[in-house]
Amino acid sequence: MIGGRAPLLLLALLPLVQSSAAVRAAFIAPSPTTASSSSARRELITSTTPSSSSSSSPPSSLASSPTMGKARIGRKRMDAAVIVRLNARPQSRSRHVQGNMLGRRTINDFETTLPPRWESSLEAAIAAAMHAPNHRRTEPWRFYLLGEKSRGRVCALNAELVASSRGEEAGREKFRRWMCIPGWLVVTCVKKVGDGDGGGWDMADPTGTAREDYAACCCAVQNLCLSLHSRGIGTKWTTGAVNFDGRFADAVGFRTDEEYTVGTIWFGTPLRTPSPPVKKLGLEDVLTRVD
């Protein structure tokens, strides 16, 4: 009886042996800084991921075997361990973050409808914004997601401002263009008095709460834009005159004695992504090394 089961047992354990070898290869793989190692990692993931091909399926006599079932579970666990190990490499994470920062662009033209599951992406982006650097932990950022009515009020106010300086036709055209922008998020900063730690509400004071809170909100906006960009959603941080008109707060729904506008973030699926701008300054122009 034992001799009769031996071939079946060896066949069942074969995937485990192959996966174990793949796991060992993953942990001794060279640094992912070269093209050859990147190729090796792709081959590794391919070789350890269960294939849908019929040629890799076990014989029907083994498919229902309890031993084969355990082997499959063990292989899946090892496959997951390999992928987690590869994704955990600091160099890979660093390249991803760097690429996300360098790839983000200000988007001026959006599709007129928001992408599927945009709200969960926005909530994740706001969570990232809330983790921006914040000296006194004042958490001064506030976010207003505009709906159709509030967006219409802001667009009408802006059209009025444009018409007063550039004419009625320019105002109407601006209104039509702005109403086509699908996503609107207004970011404000809460005004807070000094907390007894030497900080006061004076923007001219470099160590005061006012300047530090505004800086924190700007960092929050950057986090938000980068998070959305990583999910394929483009953004534009706008700071036009309408943001600071006294009627803007009424249109959005906040009090100017409690908060002030940091900017309005337009977001949506980009119709086109601009090419990277040519930087006027190089690293040697902005970096000074001091002994």
C-alpha atoms as a PDB file:
ATOM      1  CA  MET A   1       0.000   0.000   0.000  1.00  0.00           C
ATOM      2  CA  ILE A   2       2.765   2.419   0.891  1.00  0.00           C
ATOM      3  CA  GLY A   3       4.675   1.633  -2.255  1.00  0.00           C
ATOM      4  CA  GLY A   4       1.553   2.241  -4.339  1.00  0.00           C
ATOM      5  CA  ARG A   5       1.029   5.742  -2.920  1.00  0.00           C
ATOM      6  CA  ALA A   6       4.637   6.869  -3.271  1.00  0.00           C
ATOM      7  CA  PRO A   7       4.418   8.063  -6.918  1.00  0.00           C
ATOM      8  CA  LEU A   8       1.265  10.045  -6.159  1.00  0.00           C
ATOM      9  CA  LEU A   9       2.894  11.666  -3.131  1.00  0.00           C
ATOM     10  CA  LEU A  10       5.991  12.637  -5.117  1.00  0.00           C
ATOM     11  CA  LEU A  11       3.865  14.219  -7.842  1.00  0.00           C
ATOM     12  CA  ALA A  12       1.870  16.137  -5.234  1.00  0.00           C
ATOM     13  CA  LEU A  13       4.998  17.508  -3.573  1.00  0.00           C
ATOM     14  CA  LEU A  14       6.673  18.569  -6.823  1.00  0.00           C
ATOM     15  CA  PRO A  15       5.016  22.068  -6.945  1.00  0.00           C
ATOM     16  CA  LEU A  16       6.143  22.682  -3.364  1.00  0.00           C
ATOM     17  CA  VAL A  17       9.741  21.837  -4.222  1.00  0.00           C
ATOM     18  CA  GLN A  18       9.637  24.133  -7.251  1.00  0.00           C
ATOM     19  CA  SER A  19       8.093  26.989  -5.243  1.00  0.00           C
ATOM     20  CA  SER A  20      10.647  26.541  -2.441  1.00  0.00           C
ATOM     21  CA  ALA A  21      13.440  26.932  -4.962  1.00  0.00           C
ATOM     22  CA  ALA A  22      11.763  30.065  -6.288  1.00  0.00           C
ATOM     23  CA  VAL A  23      11.479  31.497  -2.772  1.00  0.00           C
ATOM     24  CA  ARG A  24      15.166  30.892  -2.122  1.00  0.00           C
ATOM     25  CA  ALA A  25      15.983  32.559  -5.422  1.00  0.00           C
ATOM     26  CA  ALA A  26      13.906  35.575  -4.437  1.00  0.00           C
ATOM     27  CA  PHE A  27      15.778  36.079  -1.191  1.00  0.00           C
ATOM     28  CA  ILE A  28      19.218  35.855  -2.763  1.00  0.00           C
ATOM     29  CA  ALA A  29      18.301  37.810  -5.892  1.00  0.00           C
ATOM     30  CA  PRO A  30      20.745  40.641  -6.707  1.00  0.00           C
ATOM     31  CA  SER A  31      19.910  44.298  -6.181  1.00  0.00           C
ATOM     32  CA  PRO A  32      17.101  45.573  -8.453  1.00  0.00           C
ATOM     33  CA  THR A  33      19.263  48.389  -9.737  1.00  0.00           C
ATOM     34  CA  THR A  34      20.072  46.661 -13.012  1.00  0.00           C
ATOM     35  CA  ALA A  35      17.940  45.763 -15.990  1.00  0.00           C
ATOM     36  CA  SER A  36      18.945  42.097 -15.736  1.00  0.00           C
ATOM     37  CA  SER A  37      17.700  41.791 -12.165  1.00  0.00           C
ATOM     38  CA  SER A  38      14.389  43.420 -13.117  1.00  0.00           C
ATOM     39  CA  SER A  39      13.999  40.818 -15.845  1.00  0.00           C
ATOM     40  CA  ALA A  40      14.866  38.066 -13.389  1.00  0.00           C
ATOM     41  CA  ARG A  41      12.207  39.263 -10.966  1.00  0.00           C
ATOM     42  CA  ARG A  42       9.590  39.319 -13.716  1.00  0.00           C
ATOM     43  CA  GLU A  43      10.564  35.765 -14.647  1.00  0.00           C
ATOM     44  CA  LEU A  44      10.390  34.749 -10.998  1.00  0.00           C
ATOM     45  CA  ILE A  45       6.867  36.074 -10.530  1.00  0.00           C
ATOM     46  CA  THR A  46       5.802  34.442 -13.788  1.00  0.00           C
ATOM     47  CA  SER A  47       7.310  31.106 -12.814  1.00  0.00           C
ATOM     48  CA  THR A  48       5.715  31.084  -9.354  1.00  0.00           C
ATOM     49  CA  THR A  49       2.255  32.322 -10.392  1.00  0.00           C
ATOM     50  CA  PRO A  50      -0.173  29.449 -11.079  1.00  0.00           C
ATOM     51  CA  SER A  51      -0.754  29.142 -14.819  1.00  0.00           C
ATOM     52  CA  SER A  52      -4.173  28.902 -16.425  1.00  0.00           C
ATOM     53  CA  SER A  53      -2.705  26.656 -19.120  1.00  0.00           C
ATOM     54  CA  SER A  54      -4.117  23.152 -19.273  1.00  0.00           C
ATOM     55  CA  SER A  55      -0.597  21.725 -19.601  1.00  0.00           C
ATOM     56  CA  SER A  56       0.209  22.740 -16.024  1.00  0.00           C
ATOM     57  CA  SER A  57      -2.981  21.266 -14.533  1.00  0.00           C
ATOM     58  CA  PRO A  58      -2.551  18.082 -12.454  1.00  0.00           C
ATOM     59  CA  PRO A  59      -3.998  14.815 -13.732  1.00  0.00           C
ATOM     60  CA  SER A  60      -7.647  14.324 -12.842  1.00  0.00           C
ATOM     61  CA  SER A  61      -6.651  11.447 -10.561  1.00  0.00           C
ATOM     62  CA  LEU A  62      -4.642  13.881  -8.432  1.00  0.00           C
ATOM     63  CA  ALA A  63      -6.935  16.910  -8.599  1.00  0.00           C
ATOM     64  CA  SER A  64      -9.208  15.558  -5.888  1.00  0.00           C
ATOM     65  CA  SER A  65      -6.380  14.244  -3.726  1.00  0.00           C
ATOM     66  CA  PRO A  66      -6.196  15.768  -0.184  1.00  0.00           C
ATOM     67  CA  THR A  67      -2.418  15.776  -0.486  1.00  0.00           C
ATOM     68  CA  MET A  68      -2.595  17.685  -3.755  1.00  0.00           C
ATOM     69  CA  GLY A  69      -4.997  20.182  -2.148  1.00  0.00           C
ATOM     70  CA  LYS A  70      -2.498  20.860   0.628  1.00  0.00           C
ATOM     71  CA  ALA A  71       0.249  21.245  -1.934  1.00  0.00           C
ATOM     72  CA  ARG A  72      -1.800  23.857  -3.789  1.00  0.00           C
ATOM     73  CA  ILE A  73      -2.431  25.825  -0.597  1.00  0.00           C
ATOM     74  CA  GLY A  74       1.242  25.670   0.324  1.00  0.00           C
ATOM     75  CA  ARG A  75       2.244  26.834  -3.122  1.00  0.00           C
ATOM     76  CA  LYS A  76      -0.164  29.792  -3.023  1.00  0.00           C
ATOM     77  CA  ARG A  77       1.243  30.858   0.334  1.00  0.00           C
ATOM     78  CA  MET A  78       4.779  30.664  -0.992  1.00  0.00           C
ATOM     79  CA  ASP A  79       3.778  32.578  -4.133  1.00  0.00           C
ATOM     80  CA  ALA A  80       2.340  35.326  -1.940  1.00  0.00           C
ATOM     81  CA  ALA A  81       5.505  35.373   0.169  1.00  0.00           C
ATOM     82  CA  VAL A  82       7.641  35.810  -2.939  1.00  0.00           C
ATOM     83  CA  ILE A  83       5.553  38.717  -4.240  1.00  0.00           C
ATOM     84  CA  VAL A  84       5.447  40.434  -0.827  1.00  0.00           C
ATOM     85  CA  ARG A  85       9.212  40.028  -0.532  1.00  0.00           C
ATOM     86  CA  LEU A  86       9.771  41.603  -3.959  1.00  0.00           C
ATOM     87  CA  ASN A  87       7.361  44.477  -3.342  1.00  0.00           C
ATOM     88  CA  ALA A  88       8.964  45.220   0.018  1.00  0.00           C
ATOM     89  CA  ARG A  89      12.307  46.170  -1.501  1.00  0.00           C
ATOM     90  CA  PRO A  90      13.082  49.770  -0.453  1.00  0.00           C
ATOM     91  CA  GLN A  91      14.622  50.541  -3.848  1.00  0.00           C
ATOM     92  CA  SER A  92      11.382  49.631  -5.614  1.00  0.00           C
ATOM     93  CA  ARG A  93       9.268  51.765  -3.276  1.00  0.00           C
ATOM     94  CA  SER A  94      11.677  54.667  -3.652  1.00  0.00           C
ATOM     95  CA  ARG A  95      11.512  54.550  -7.444  1.00  0.00           C
ATOM     96  CA  HIS A  96       7.717  54.440  -7.339  1.00  0.00           C
ATOM     97  CA  VAL A  97       7.454  57.472  -5.049  1.00  0.00           C
ATOM     98  CA  GLN A  98      10.048  59.420  -7.040  1.00  0.00           C
ATOM     99  CA  GLY A  99       8.334  58.591 -10.319  1.00  0.00           C
ATOM    100  CA  ASN A 100       4.956  59.653  -8.948  1.00  0.00           C
ATOM    101  CA  MET A 101       6.334  63.035  -7.866  1.00  0.00           C
ATOM    102  CA  LEU A 102       8.168  63.680 -11.126  1.00  0.00           C
ATOM    103  CA  GLY A 103       5.241  62.506 -13.253  1.00  0.00           C
ATOM    104  CA  ARG A 104       2.509  64.677 -11.746  1.00  0.00           C
ATOM    105  CA  ARG A 105       1.331  67.539 -13.964  1.00  0.00           C
ATOM    106  CA  THR A 106      -1.141  70.401 -13.659  1.00  0.00           C
ATOM    107  CA  ILE A 107      -4.137  69.327 -15.759  1.00  0.00           C
ATOM    108  CA  ASN A 108      -6.173  71.962 -17.572  1.00  0.00           C
ATOM    109  CA  ASP A 109      -8.517  69.763 -19.610  1.00  0.00           C
ATOM    110  CA  PHE A 110     -10.644  67.023 -18.072  1.00  0.00           C
ATOM    111  CA  GLU A 111     -13.242  64.564 -19.240  1.00  0.00           C
ATOM    112  CA  THR A 112     -16.676  65.870 -18.289  1.00  0.00           C
ATOM    113  CA  THR A 113     -17.515  62.889 -16.068  1.00  0.00           C
ATOM    114  CA  LEU A 114     -15.584  61.521 -13.124  1.00  0.00           C
ATOM    115  CA  PRO A 115     -14.041  58.024 -13.318  1.00  0.00           C
ATOM    116  CA  PRO A 116     -15.564  55.004 -11.551  1.00  0.00           C
ATOM    117  CA  ARG A 117     -14.884  54.798  -7.808  1.00  0.00           C
ATOM    118  CA  TRP A 118     -13.583  58.365  -7.797  1.00  0.00           C
ATOM    119  CA  GLU A 119     -15.026  59.039  -4.359  1.00  0.00           C
ATOM    120  CA  SER A 120     -13.024  56.297  -2.659  1.00  0.00           C
ATOM    121  CA  SER A 121      -9.909  57.630  -4.418  1.00  0.00           C
ATOM    122  CA  LEU A 122     -10.675  61.129  -3.161  1.00  0.00           C
ATOM    123  CA  GLU A 123     -11.215  59.914   0.395  1.00  0.00           C
ATOM    124  CA  ALA A 124      -7.869  58.103   0.286  1.00  0.00           C
ATOM    125  CA  ALA A 125      -6.231  61.274  -1.047  1.00  0.00           C
ATOM    126  CA  ILE A 126      -7.710  63.374   1.760  1.00  0.00           C
ATOM    127  CA  ALA A 127      -6.421  60.815   4.265  1.00  0.00           C
ATOM    128  CA  ALA A 128      -2.953  61.279   2.735  1.00  0.00           C
ATOM    129  CA  ALA A 129      -3.388  65.059   2.965  1.00  0.00           C
ATOM    130  CA  MET A 130      -4.160  64.757   6.668  1.00  0.00           C
ATOM    131  CA  HIS A 131      -0.727  63.170   7.188  1.00  0.00           C
ATOM    132  CA  ALA A 132       1.154  66.231   5.949  1.00  0.00           C
ATOM    133  CA  PRO A 133       3.817  67.777   8.230  1.00  0.00           C
ATOM    134  CA  ASN A 134       2.129  69.893  10.911  1.00  0.00           C
ATOM    135  CA  HIS A 135       4.336  71.451  13.592  1.00  0.00           C
ATOM    136  CA  ARG A 136       1.912  72.053  16.451  1.00  0.00           C
ATOM    137  CA  ARG A 137      -0.509  69.326  15.376  1.00  0.00           C
ATOM    138  CA  THR A 138      -3.180  71.933  14.819  1.00  0.00           C
ATOM    139  CA  GLU A 139      -4.628  69.984  11.873  1.00  0.00           C
ATOM    140  CA  PRO A 140      -5.753  73.229  10.231  1.00  0.00           C
ATOM    141  CA  TRP A 141      -6.939  71.794   6.892  1.00  0.00           C
ATOM    142  CA  ARG A 142     -10.597  71.603   5.935  1.00  0.00           C
ATOM    143  CA  PHE A 143     -12.043  70.220   2.697  1.00  0.00           C
ATOM    144  CA  TYR A 144     -15.286  71.109   0.919  1.00  0.00           C
ATOM    145  CA  LEU A 145     -16.444  68.782  -1.860  1.00  0.00           C
ATOM    146  CA  LEU A 146     -18.703  70.868  -4.081  1.00  0.00           C
ATOM    147  CA  GLY A 147     -21.881  69.490  -5.569  1.00  0.00           C
ATOM    148  CA  GLU A 148     -23.771  70.758  -8.593  1.00  0.00           C
ATOM    149  CA  LYS A 149     -25.443  73.694  -6.833  1.00  0.00           C
ATOM    150  CA  SER A 150     -22.389  75.007  -4.977  1.00  0.00           C
ATOM    151  CA  ARG A 151     -20.240  74.562  -8.074  1.00  0.00           C
ATOM    152  CA  GLY A 152     -22.796  76.585 -10.045  1.00  0.00           C
ATOM    153  CA  ARG A 153     -22.649  79.380  -7.467  1.00  0.00           C
ATOM    154  CA  VAL A 154     -18.861  79.554  -7.659  1.00  0.00           C
ATOM    155  CA  CYS A 155     -18.880  79.482 -11.470  1.00  0.00           C
ATOM    156  CA  ALA A 156     -21.493  82.251 -11.607  1.00  0.00           C
ATOM    157  CA  LEU A 157     -19.484  84.390  -9.184  1.00  0.00           C
ATOM    158  CA  ASN A 158     -16.325  83.919 -11.216  1.00  0.00           C
ATOM    159  CA  ALA A 159     -18.170  84.738 -14.454  1.00  0.00           C
ATOM    160  CA  GLU A 160     -19.357  87.970 -12.860  1.00  0.00           C
ATOM    161  CA  LEU A 161     -15.804  88.912 -11.891  1.00  0.00           C
ATOM    162  CA  VAL A 162     -14.517  88.100 -15.381  1.00  0.00           C
ATOM    163  CA  ALA A 163     -17.335  90.040 -17.068  1.00  0.00           C
ATOM    164  CA  SER A 164     -16.615  93.125 -14.984  1.00  0.00           C
ATOM    165  CA  SER A 165     -13.027  93.249 -16.227  1.00  0.00           C
ATOM    166  CA  ARG A 166     -13.147  91.621 -19.680  1.00  0.00           C
ATOM    167  CA  GLY A 167     -16.732  91.901 -20.879  1.00  0.00           C
ATOM    168  CA  GLU A 168     -19.949  89.891 -20.868  1.00  0.00           C
ATOM    169  CA  GLU A 169     -18.935  87.442 -23.583  1.00  0.00           C
ATOM    170  CA  ALA A 170     -15.713  86.557 -21.746  1.00  0.00           C
ATOM    171  CA  GLY A 171     -17.753  86.001 -18.593  1.00  0.00           C
ATOM    172  CA  ARG A 172     -20.189  83.667 -20.361  1.00  0.00           C
ATOM    173  CA  GLU A 173     -17.362  81.698 -21.952  1.00  0.00           C
ATOM    174  CA  LYS A 174     -15.609  81.316 -18.601  1.00  0.00           C
ATOM    175  CA  PHE A 175     -18.846  80.106 -17.034  1.00  0.00           C
ATOM    176  CA  ARG A 176     -19.323  77.444 -19.736  1.00  0.00           C
ATOM    177  CA  ARG A 177     -15.744  76.242 -19.388  1.00  0.00           C
ATOM    178  CA  TRP A 178     -15.792  76.046 -15.606  1.00  0.00           C
ATOM    179  CA  MET A 179     -19.102  74.180 -15.512  1.00  0.00           C
ATOM    180  CA  CYS A 180     -17.493  71.404 -17.590  1.00  0.00           C
ATOM    181  CA  ILE A 181     -14.897  70.710 -14.888  1.00  0.00           C
ATOM    182  CA  PRO A 182     -16.179  67.577 -13.105  1.00  0.00           C
ATOM    183  CA  GLY A 183     -14.485  67.604  -9.686  1.00  0.00           C
ATOM    184  CA  TRP A 184     -14.228  70.516  -7.250  1.00  0.00           C
ATOM    185  CA  LEU A 185     -12.586  70.422  -3.823  1.00  0.00           C
ATOM    186  CA  VAL A 186     -12.055  73.633  -1.867  1.00  0.00           C
ATOM    187  CA  VAL A 187      -9.253  73.558   0.712  1.00  0.00           C
ATOM    188  CA  THR A 188      -9.303  76.029   3.593  1.00  0.00           C
ATOM    189  CA  CYS A 189      -7.109  76.746   6.611  1.00  0.00           C
ATOM    190  CA  VAL A 190      -8.582  77.244  10.066  1.00  0.00           C
ATOM    191  CA  LYS A 191      -7.628  80.463  11.821  1.00  0.00           C
ATOM    192  CA  LYS A 192      -6.326  79.748  15.301  1.00  0.00           C
ATOM    193  CA  VAL A 193      -4.966  82.022  18.009  1.00  0.00           C
ATOM    194  CA  GLY A 194      -1.732  81.324  19.854  1.00  0.00           C
ATOM    195  CA  ASP A 195      -1.745  78.174  21.932  1.00  0.00           C
ATOM    196  CA  GLY A 196       0.609  79.442  24.620  1.00  0.00           C
ATOM    197  CA  ASP A 197       3.629  77.968  22.845  1.00  0.00           C
ATOM    198  CA  GLY A 198       4.860  81.237  21.413  1.00  0.00           C
ATOM    199  CA  GLY A 199       2.684  80.989  18.314  1.00  0.00           C
ATOM    200  CA  GLY A 200       0.241  83.712  17.338  1.00  0.00           C
ATOM    201  CA  TRP A 201      -2.029  84.451  14.412  1.00  0.00           C
ATOM    202  CA  ASP A 202       0.323  86.758  12.541  1.00  0.00           C
ATOM    203  CA  MET A 203       1.426  85.699   9.068  1.00  0.00           C
ATOM    204  CA  ALA A 204       4.436  88.029   9.339  1.00  0.00           C
ATOM    205  CA  ASP A 205       5.762  86.044  12.317  1.00  0.00           C
ATOM    206  CA  PRO A 206       7.970  83.257  10.879  1.00  0.00           C
ATOM    207  CA  THR A 207       7.528  81.144  14.025  1.00  0.00           C
ATOM    208  CA  GLY A 208       3.836  81.847  14.519  1.00  0.00           C
ATOM    209  CA  THR A 209       0.929  79.494  14.059  1.00  0.00           C
ATOM    210  CA  ALA A 210      -0.447  81.352  11.038  1.00  0.00           C
ATOM    211  CA  ARG A 211       2.505  80.788   8.738  1.00  0.00           C
ATOM    212  CA  GLU A 212       3.112  77.239   9.902  1.00  0.00           C
ATOM    213  CA  ASP A 213      -0.538  76.280   9.454  1.00  0.00           C
ATOM    214  CA  TYR A 214      -0.612  77.695   5.934  1.00  0.00           C
ATOM    215  CA  ALA A 215       2.573  75.779   5.111  1.00  0.00           C
ATOM    216  CA  ALA A 216       0.998  72.610   6.519  1.00  0.00           C
ATOM    217  CA  CYS A 217      -2.085  73.106   4.337  1.00  0.00           C
ATOM    218  CA  CYS A 218       0.124  73.549   1.262  1.00  0.00           C
ATOM    219  CA  CYS A 219       1.879  70.275   2.093  1.00  0.00           C
ATOM    220  CA  ALA A 220      -1.563  68.691   2.481  1.00  0.00           C
ATOM    221  CA  VAL A 221      -2.563  69.871  -0.995  1.00  0.00           C
ATOM    222  CA  GLN A 222       0.596  68.346  -2.465  1.00  0.00           C
ATOM    223  CA  ASN A 223      -0.076  65.021  -0.737  1.00  0.00           C
ATOM    224  CA  LEU A 224      -3.630  65.076  -2.045  1.00  0.00           C
ATOM    225  CA  CYS A 225      -2.601  65.802  -5.626  1.00  0.00           C
ATOM    226  CA  LEU A 226       0.092  63.112  -5.606  1.00  0.00           C
ATOM    227  CA  SER A 227      -2.317  60.548  -4.193  1.00  0.00           C
ATOM    228  CA  LEU A 228      -4.907  61.273  -6.870  1.00  0.00           C
ATOM    229  CA  HIS A 229      -2.219  61.232  -9.562  1.00  0.00           C
ATOM    230  CA  SER A 230      -1.139  57.754  -8.453  1.00  0.00           C
ATOM    231  CA  ARG A 231      -4.724  56.611  -9.118  1.00  0.00           C
ATOM    232  CA  GLY A 232      -4.900  58.144 -12.585  1.00  0.00           C
ATOM    233  CA  ILE A 233      -6.840  61.234 -11.522  1.00  0.00           C
ATOM    234  CA  GLY A 234      -5.415  64.571 -12.623  1.00  0.00           C
ATOM    235  CA  THR A 235      -5.581  67.800 -10.626  1.00  0.00           C
ATOM    236  CA  LYS A 236      -5.152  71.530 -10.864  1.00  0.00           C
ATOM    237  CA  TRP A 237      -4.576  73.706  -7.795  1.00  0.00           C
ATOM    238  CA  THR A 238      -6.268  77.022  -8.569  1.00  0.00           C
ATOM    239  CA  THR A 239      -5.795  80.258  -6.631  1.00  0.00           C
ATOM    240  CA  GLY A 240      -7.645  82.732  -8.852  1.00  0.00           C
ATOM    241  CA  ALA A 241      -9.279  85.904  -7.580  1.00  0.00           C
ATOM    242  CA  VAL A 242     -12.653  84.244  -7.034  1.00  0.00           C
ATOM    243  CA  ASN A 243     -11.169  82.155  -4.201  1.00  0.00           C
ATOM    244  CA  PHE A 244     -10.589  85.291  -2.150  1.00  0.00           C
ATOM    245  CA  ASP A 245     -13.734  87.227  -2.966  1.00  0.00           C
ATOM    246  CA  GLY A 246     -15.870  87.724   0.134  1.00  0.00           C
ATOM    247  CA  ARG A 247     -18.829  85.988  -1.544  1.00  0.00           C
ATOM    248  CA  PHE A 248     -16.832  82.828  -2.274  1.00  0.00           C
ATOM    249  CA  ALA A 249     -17.093  81.641   1.335  1.00  0.00           C
ATOM    250  CA  ASP A 250     -20.873  82.064   1.223  1.00  0.00           C
ATOM    251  CA  ALA A 251     -21.067  80.071  -2.011  1.00  0.00           C
ATOM    252  CA  VAL A 252     -19.005  77.245  -0.512  1.00  0.00           C
ATOM    253  CA  GLY A 253     -20.338  77.344   3.033  1.00  0.00           C
ATOM    254  CA  PHE A 254     -17.625  78.483   5.458  1.00  0.00           C
ATOM    255  CA  ARG A 255     -17.101  81.585   7.600  1.00  0.00           C
ATOM    256  CA  THR A 256     -14.276  83.966   6.757  1.00  0.00           C
ATOM    257  CA  ASP A 257     -13.724  84.821  10.418  1.00  0.00           C
ATOM    258  CA  GLU A 258     -12.927  81.146  11.076  1.00  0.00           C
ATOM    259  CA  GLU A 259     -11.254  79.919   7.867  1.00  0.00           C
ATOM    260  CA  TYR A 260      -9.592  81.247   4.744  1.00  0.00           C
ATOM    261  CA  THR A 261      -9.095  79.715   1.304  1.00  0.00           C
ATOM    262  CA  VAL A 262      -5.882  77.898   0.442  1.00  0.00           C
ATOM    263  CA  GLY A 263      -7.129  77.017  -3.032  1.00  0.00           C
ATOM    264  CA  THR A 264      -9.606  75.076  -5.111  1.00  0.00           C
ATOM    265  CA  ILE A 265      -8.542  71.698  -6.484  1.00  0.00           C
ATOM    266  CA  TRP A 266     -10.048  70.685  -9.802  1.00  0.00           C
ATOM    267  CA  PHE A 267      -9.845  66.954 -10.401  1.00  0.00           C
ATOM    268  CA  GLY A 268     -10.891  64.352 -12.938  1.00  0.00           C
ATOM    269  CA  THR A 269      -9.661  62.153 -15.757  1.00  0.00           C
ATOM    270  CA  PRO A 270      -7.151  64.091 -17.892  1.00  0.00           C
ATOM    271  CA  LEU A 271      -8.056  64.623 -21.532  1.00  0.00           C
ATOM    272  CA  ARG A 272      -4.372  65.239 -22.171  1.00  0.00           C
ATOM    273  CA  THR A 273      -1.270  65.402 -20.008  1.00  0.00           C
ATOM    274  CA  PRO A 274       1.217  68.216 -20.673  1.00  0.00           C
ATOM    275  CA  SER A 275       4.850  67.452 -21.356  1.00  0.00           C
ATOM    276  CA  PRO A 276       7.274  68.129 -18.499  1.00  0.00           C
ATOM    277  CA  PRO A 277       8.290  71.798 -18.457  1.00  0.00           C
ATOM    278  CA  VAL A 278      11.927  72.665 -18.995  1.00  0.00           C
ATOM    279  CA  LYS A 279      13.350  73.709 -15.647  1.00  0.00           C
ATOM    280  CA  LYS A 280      15.093  77.079 -15.621  1.00  0.00           C
ATOM    281  CA  LEU A 281      17.441  76.031 -12.844  1.00  0.00           C
ATOM    282  CA  GLY A 282      19.507  72.908 -12.353  1.00  0.00           C
ATOM    283  CA  LEU A 283      20.532  71.161  -9.163  1.00  0.00           C
ATOM    284  CA  GLU A 284      23.783  73.118  -9.049  1.00  0.00           C
ATOM    285  CA  ASP A 285      21.769  76.370  -9.126  1.00  0.00           C
ATOM    286  CA  VAL A 286      19.607  75.590  -6.118  1.00  0.00           C
ATOM    287  CA  LEU A 287      21.832  73.395  -3.931  1.00  0.00           C
ATOM    288  CA  THR A 288      24.542  74.994  -1.812  1.00  0.00           C
ATOM    289  CA  ARG A 289      26.760  72.656   0.172  1.00  0.00           C
ATOM    290  CA  VAL A 290      27.906  74.269   3.404  1.00  0.00           C
ATOM    291  CA  ASP A 291      30.840  72.907   5.433  1.00  0.00           C
END
